């Protein structure tokens, strides 16, 4: 009887461990790692390195992971300003609270995170207000979000598609359909998403911050299930 009871407890323990492992598991694809956001919002921007410390924002929250997204620590950012991007200045990580862009043209359009307003000295866990010493807006740091250049000189950008909001309409939905390069190459993601921004780490791996998986865009916009955003990281350097 005692042996049967111990065996039953062991089976239950192993089953619980398997469930915990499954809950922590991140989907993985042939060319991409995929990290799931801790809350039900798109991932707007990312900074860091998947092999050490990675920081993301889902606009009103900042998270840090040191284990490839298995666990996340939430930063103490409490302001109600939506965050648009990150940049590092020496040992300081800056968070931007606004964005601006050139006039829309799918071939030249560039979106920037601007207005650095908060700073962290511990890689995204604690934040304080930041004020630039520069009095000239044109000297303020800004970060390109949708169009980046790899160390090789190849430009990577979010590929857009315009779809009319209605037949014969002059207005359009803007859909993101993947990543393109200045050499004519296309990088397809494993699933359909609304892509928010791009980022390169020090090893030239490409990070793609995106919404949750979509089963429809435009007038048929719909998530396939949960709304937690996804961060894709290329397994190989993009040159």
Protein backbone atom coordinates (compact mmCIF):
# COMPACT_ATOMS: atom_id res chain seq x y z
CA UNK A 1 0.00 0.00 0.00
CA UNK A 2 2.80 2.37 0.96
CA UNK A 3 4.69 1.60 -2.28
CA UNK A 4 1.56 2.25 -4.34
CA UNK A 5 1.03 5.58 -2.61
CA UNK A 6 4.64 6.65 -3.22
CA UNK A 7 4.41 5.62 -6.86
CA UNK A 8 1.23 7.64 -7.26
CA UNK A 9 2.82 10.72 -5.72
CA UNK A 10 5.82 10.34 -8.02
CA UNK A 11 3.60 10.19 -11.09
CA UNK A 12 1.73 13.30 -9.95
CA UNK A 13 5.00 15.15 -9.31
CA UNK A 14 6.40 14.24 -12.73
CA UNK A 15 3.13 15.27 -14.35
CA UNK A 16 3.24 18.65 -12.59
CA UNK A 17 6.85 19.17 -13.71
CA UNK A 18 5.91 18.42 -17.32
CA UNK A 19 3.04 20.93 -17.15
CA UNK A 20 5.36 23.58 -15.70
CA UNK A 21 7.89 22.92 -18.46
CA UNK A 22 5.18 23.20 -21.10
CA UNK A 23 3.96 26.49 -19.61
CA UNK A 24 7.50 27.91 -19.74
CA UNK A 25 8.31 26.57 -23.20
CA UNK A 26 8.64 29.11 -25.99
CA UNK A 27 7.74 28.10 -29.56
CA UNK A 28 10.79 27.52 -31.74
CA UNK A 29 11.14 27.45 -35.52
CA UNK A 30 13.83 26.49 -38.00
CA UNK A 31 15.16 30.03 -38.45
CA UNK A 32 13.73 31.90 -35.46
CA UNK A 33 13.52 31.81 -31.71
CA UNK A 34 10.13 33.09 -30.51
CA UNK A 35 9.53 34.72 -27.12
CA UNK A 36 6.05 35.36 -25.80
CA UNK A 37 5.20 38.66 -24.09
CA UNK A 38 4.15 38.46 -20.41
CA UNK A 39 0.95 40.47 -20.99
CA UNK A 40 -1.78 40.68 -23.61
CA UNK A 41 -0.32 43.50 -25.70
CA UNK A 42 2.01 43.70 -28.70
CA UNK A 43 5.74 43.96 -28.05
CA UNK A 44 6.63 47.48 -29.16
CA UNK A 45 10.43 47.47 -28.87
CA UNK A 46 13.39 45.48 -27.59
CA UNK A 47 16.95 46.05 -26.43
CA UNK A 48 19.79 43.76 -25.35
CA UNK A 49 20.82 40.22 -26.21
CA UNK A 50 18.88 36.96 -26.04
CA UNK A 51 21.96 35.19 -24.63
CA UNK A 52 22.31 37.53 -21.65
CA UNK A 53 19.82 40.26 -20.73
CA UNK A 54 16.88 41.26 -22.89
CA UNK A 55 14.49 44.16 -22.25
CA UNK A 56 11.11 44.62 -23.95
CA UNK A 57 8.20 47.00 -23.64
CA UNK A 58 4.54 46.27 -24.28
CA UNK A 59 3.98 50.05 -24.31
CA UNK A 60 2.99 50.64 -20.68
CA UNK A 61 5.15 47.99 -19.03
CA UNK A 62 8.84 47.13 -19.24
CA UNK A 63 10.10 43.58 -18.73
CA UNK A 64 13.54 42.01 -18.41
CA UNK A 65 14.52 38.39 -19.01
CA UNK A 66 17.85 36.64 -18.49
CA UNK A 67 16.67 33.15 -19.50
CA UNK A 68 15.38 33.65 -23.04
CA UNK A 69 11.86 34.53 -22.01
CA UNK A 70 11.17 31.59 -19.71
CA UNK A 71 10.68 34.08 -16.87
CA UNK A 72 10.26 37.85 -16.87
CA UNK A 73 10.91 40.48 -14.22
CA UNK A 74 8.69 43.53 -14.45
CA UNK A 75 10.40 46.92 -14.25
CA UNK A 76 9.15 49.64 -11.93
CA UNK A 77 8.10 51.95 -14.79
CA UNK A 78 4.82 53.46 -13.61
CA UNK A 79 4.27 56.47 -15.87
CA UNK A 80 1.24 56.47 -18.15
CA UNK A 81 3.23 57.52 -21.20
CA UNK A 82 3.29 54.84 -23.88
CA UNK A 83 6.82 53.66 -24.68
CA UNK A 84 8.06 53.41 -28.25
CA UNK A 85 11.71 52.36 -28.14
CA UNK A 86 15.02 51.97 -26.32
CA UNK A 87 18.60 53.14 -26.80
CA UNK A 88 21.78 52.89 -24.72
CA UNK A 89 24.10 55.76 -23.86
CA UNK A 90 27.20 54.43 -22.07
CA UNK A 91 25.83 52.46 -19.09
CA UNK A 92 22.38 54.08 -19.26
CA UNK A 93 19.35 52.57 -20.99
CA UNK A 94 16.94 55.22 -22.28
CA UNK A 95 13.22 54.74 -22.89
CA UNK A 96 11.44 56.88 -25.50
CA UNK A 97 7.87 58.09 -25.13
CA UNK A 98 6.96 59.36 -28.59
CA UNK A 99 7.39 58.55 -32.25
CA UNK A 100 7.60 60.44 -35.49
CA UNK A 101 7.85 59.44 -39.12
CA UNK A 102 8.47 60.70 -42.59
CA UNK A 103 5.50 61.14 -44.95
CA UNK A 104 4.17 57.70 -45.77
CA UNK A 105 5.61 55.95 -48.78
CA UNK A 106 6.10 52.20 -48.59
CA UNK A 107 9.58 52.51 -50.13
CA UNK A 108 11.02 55.40 -48.08
CA UNK A 109 8.89 55.57 -44.93
CA UNK A 110 10.94 55.69 -41.71
CA UNK A 111 9.48 55.65 -38.21
CA UNK A 112 11.54 56.87 -35.24
CA UNK A 113 11.23 56.58 -31.47
CA UNK A 114 11.88 60.06 -30.05
CA UNK A 115 11.72 62.00 -26.79
CA UNK A 116 13.97 60.04 -24.37
CA UNK A 117 12.17 60.55 -21.06
CA UNK A 118 13.24 57.78 -18.68
CA UNK A 119 16.57 56.17 -17.81
CA UNK A 120 17.69 52.92 -16.19
CA UNK A 121 21.10 52.00 -14.78
CA UNK A 122 20.25 48.34 -14.12
CA UNK A 123 19.20 47.13 -17.57
CA UNK A 124 15.54 47.95 -17.30
CA UNK A 125 14.44 47.06 -13.77
CA UNK A 126 14.35 50.51 -12.16
CA UNK A 127 13.59 53.78 -13.94
CA UNK A 128 13.85 57.47 -13.23
CA UNK A 129 13.08 60.61 -15.18
CA UNK A 130 15.65 61.64 -17.77
CA UNK A 131 16.41 65.12 -19.02
CA UNK A 132 18.82 65.68 -21.88
CA UNK A 133 21.45 68.39 -21.48
CA UNK A 134 20.89 69.40 -25.08
CA UNK A 135 18.56 72.31 -25.77
CA UNK A 136 18.30 71.45 -29.47
CA UNK A 137 15.65 68.90 -30.49
CA UNK A 138 17.71 67.93 -33.55
CA UNK A 139 20.53 66.75 -31.26
CA UNK A 140 18.27 64.54 -29.13
CA UNK A 141 18.83 60.81 -29.65
CA UNK A 142 16.28 58.99 -31.76
CA UNK A 143 15.98 55.37 -32.85
CA UNK A 144 14.76 54.08 -36.20
CA UNK A 145 12.08 51.46 -35.66
CA UNK A 146 11.11 50.06 -39.04
CA UNK A 147 14.28 50.45 -41.11
CA UNK A 148 17.77 49.43 -39.94
CA UNK A 149 21.16 48.88 -41.54
CA UNK A 150 23.23 45.81 -40.72
CA UNK A 151 27.02 46.15 -40.24
CA UNK A 152 27.44 44.80 -43.78
CA UNK A 153 25.55 47.82 -45.13
CA UNK A 154 22.43 45.84 -46.06
CA UNK A 155 19.23 47.63 -45.08
CA UNK A 156 16.44 45.66 -43.41
CA UNK A 157 12.95 47.14 -43.27
CA UNK A 158 9.39 46.19 -42.46
CA UNK A 159 7.46 45.38 -45.63
CA UNK A 160 4.08 47.09 -45.84
CA UNK A 161 0.96 46.54 -47.89
CA UNK A 162 -1.81 49.10 -48.35
CA UNK A 163 -5.35 47.78 -48.60
CA UNK A 164 -8.37 50.04 -49.24
CA UNK A 165 -10.73 50.36 -46.30
CA UNK A 166 -13.62 49.92 -48.77
CA UNK A 167 -14.07 49.53 -52.55
CA UNK A 168 -13.10 52.75 -54.37
CA UNK A 169 -12.00 54.28 -51.07
CA UNK A 170 -9.09 56.73 -50.90
CA UNK A 171 -8.11 55.57 -47.42
CA UNK A 172 -6.13 52.45 -46.67
CA UNK A 173 -5.28 49.95 -43.98
CA UNK A 174 -1.56 49.53 -43.43
CA UNK A 175 -0.62 45.88 -43.09
CA UNK A 176 2.83 44.49 -42.33
CA UNK A 177 3.75 41.47 -44.42
CA UNK A 178 7.29 40.56 -43.35
CA UNK A 179 10.84 41.87 -43.65
CA UNK A 180 12.63 42.94 -46.83
CA UNK A 181 16.24 43.88 -47.54
CA UNK A 182 17.95 46.30 -49.87
CA UNK A 183 19.40 43.28 -51.71
CA UNK A 184 15.93 42.07 -52.67
CA UNK A 185 15.68 39.26 -50.13
CA UNK A 186 12.47 38.63 -48.17
CA UNK A 187 12.36 37.21 -44.67
CA UNK A 188 9.10 35.50 -43.84
CA UNK A 189 7.98 35.10 -40.25
CA UNK A 190 6.45 31.79 -39.15
CA UNK A 191 3.05 33.44 -38.63
CA UNK A 192 1.16 36.60 -39.58
CA UNK A 193 1.63 39.53 -37.20
CA UNK A 194 1.44 43.29 -37.04
CA UNK A 195 5.16 44.10 -36.85
CA UNK A 196 6.06 46.96 -34.52
CA UNK A 197 9.84 47.39 -34.79
CA UNK A 198 13.22 45.87 -35.69
CA UNK A 199 16.48 45.64 -33.76
CA UNK A 200 19.98 44.20 -34.28
CA UNK A 201 22.08 42.88 -31.41
CA UNK A 202 25.89 42.96 -31.28
CA UNK A 203 26.03 39.65 -33.18
CA UNK A 204 23.90 41.01 -36.05
CA UNK A 205 20.93 38.83 -35.15
CA UNK A 206 17.64 40.39 -36.13
CA UNK A 207 14.88 40.92 -33.54
CA UNK A 208 11.31 41.46 -34.74
CA UNK A 209 8.88 42.90 -32.17
CA UNK A 210 5.31 42.06 -33.08
CA UNK A 211 1.72 41.55 -32.04
CA UNK A 212 0.20 38.19 -31.25
CA UNK A 213 -0.49 35.83 -34.14
CA UNK A 214 -3.16 37.20 -36.50
CA UNK A 215 -5.84 35.26 -38.35
CA UNK A 216 -7.06 38.33 -40.24
CA UNK A 217 -6.07 41.92 -40.99
CA UNK A 218 -7.82 45.05 -42.24
CA UNK A 219 -11.60 44.81 -41.97
CA UNK A 220 -11.19 41.18 -40.91
CA UNK A 221 -8.64 41.93 -38.19
CA UNK A 222 -8.59 39.16 -35.60
CA UNK A 223 -6.16 37.47 -33.26
CA UNK A 224 -5.91 33.72 -33.55
CA UNK A 225 -6.29 33.30 -29.80
CA UNK A 226 -4.36 34.98 -27.01
CA UNK A 227 -3.22 38.57 -27.52
CA UNK A 228 0.27 38.32 -26.00
CA UNK A 229 2.81 39.78 -28.40
CA UNK A 230 5.69 37.80 -29.91
CA UNK A 231 9.38 38.60 -30.26
CA UNK A 232 11.22 36.75 -33.04
CA UNK A 233 15.01 36.46 -32.93
CA UNK A 234 16.91 35.16 -35.95
CA UNK A 235 19.08 32.14 -35.13
CA UNK A 236 21.78 33.31 -37.52
CA UNK A 237 23.35 36.73 -38.11
CA UNK A 238 21.70 38.77 -40.84
CA UNK A 239 24.44 40.17 -43.07
